[in-house]
Amino acid sequence: SLAAWEEAQRYFEQAIELSDDPLSRAELHERAGQMGWAGGRIEAAHRHYEAAIELFESAGQIHPAARVSA
C-alpha cells in the first residue's frame, strides 16, 4: 500500500536527522528518495535525490552520485 512507502520514507527521514556521518546521510537520502518515488511523492523524492547527490559528491563518491542521478 502507499502508506507503507510513506511510512518507510518517514523512517529514513528520521534516521537522516539522527546521523552525523555524511555518507550515511547520503545513503539515507537516497533510500528516502526511493520510497518517495515508489509512493508517488515525486517532489519529495527529487529533494532527497538532490541532497544525496550533493553529499556523495562532497565526499568524492562519484559512482554513488552517478547512480542516484541515473
Protein backbone atom coordinates (compact mmCIF):
# COMPACT_ATOMS: atom_id res chain seq x y z
CA SER A 1 0.00 0.00 0.00
CA LEU A 2 1.06 3.61 -0.47
CA ALA A 3 1.02 4.12 3.28
CA ALA A 4 3.88 1.62 3.65
CA TRP A 5 6.07 3.66 1.26
CA GLU A 6 5.25 6.85 3.14
CA GLU A 7 5.99 5.24 6.48
CA ALA A 8 9.32 3.92 5.22
CA GLN A 9 10.18 7.37 3.87
CA ARG A 10 9.44 8.92 7.26
CA TYR A 11 11.71 6.41 8.99
CA PHE A 12 14.55 7.22 6.60
CA GLU A 13 13.96 10.94 7.18
CA GLN A 14 14.16 10.40 10.94
CA ALA A 15 17.40 8.47 10.51
CA ILE A 16 18.82 11.34 8.42
CA GLU A 17 18.20 13.71 11.31
CA LEU A 18 20.00 11.38 13.73
CA SER A 19 23.06 10.71 11.58
CA ASP A 20 26.24 12.77 11.78
CA ASP A 21 28.04 10.85 9.03
CA PRO A 22 27.75 12.49 5.58
CA LEU A 23 27.95 9.20 3.68
CA SER A 24 25.29 7.61 5.86
CA ARG A 25 23.14 10.68 5.37
CA ALA A 26 23.65 10.44 1.59
CA GLU A 27 22.59 6.78 1.59
CA LEU A 28 19.57 7.56 3.75
CA HIS A 29 18.55 10.41 1.45
CA GLU A 30 18.83 8.01 -1.49
CA ARG A 31 16.60 5.47 0.26
CA ALA A 32 14.10 8.14 1.30
CA GLY A 33 14.02 9.26 -2.32
CA GLN A 34 13.33 5.73 -3.49
CA MET A 35 10.47 5.39 -1.03
CA GLY A 36 9.07 8.77 -2.05
CA TRP A 37 9.24 7.84 -5.73
CA ALA A 38 7.57 4.47 -5.14
CA GLY A 39 4.85 6.14 -3.10
CA GLY A 40 4.17 8.79 -5.73
CA ARG A 41 5.73 11.66 -3.77
CA ILE A 42 7.82 12.82 -6.69
CA GLU A 43 8.81 16.28 -5.40
CA ALA A 44 9.97 14.84 -2.08
CA ALA A 45 11.87 12.13 -3.95
CA HIS A 46 13.69 14.74 -6.05
CA ARG A 47 14.65 16.73 -2.94
CA HIS A 48 16.11 13.62 -1.34
CA TYR A 49 17.93 12.60 -4.52
CA GLU A 50 19.45 16.08 -4.86
CA ALA A 51 20.63 16.00 -1.24
CA ALA A 52 22.12 12.53 -1.75
CA ILE A 53 24.00 13.62 -4.87
CA GLU A 54 25.38 16.70 -3.13
CA LEU A 55 26.57 14.69 -0.13
CA PHE A 56 28.10 11.93 -2.26
CA GLU A 57 29.91 14.45 -4.47
CA SER A 58 31.18 16.38 -1.43
CA ALA A 59 32.69 13.14 -0.14
CA GLY A 60 34.28 12.37 -3.52
CA GLN A 61 31.95 9.43 -4.07
CA ILE A 62 31.40 9.83 -7.81
CA HIS A 63 29.93 6.39 -8.54
CA PRO A 64 27.17 6.59 -5.90
CA ALA A 65 26.38 10.15 -7.04
CA ALA A 66 26.07 8.92 -10.62
CA ARG A 67 23.86 6.03 -9.52
CA VAL A 68 21.46 8.40 -7.78
CA SER A 69 21.34 10.78 -10.74
CA ALA A 70 20.60 7.99 -13.23
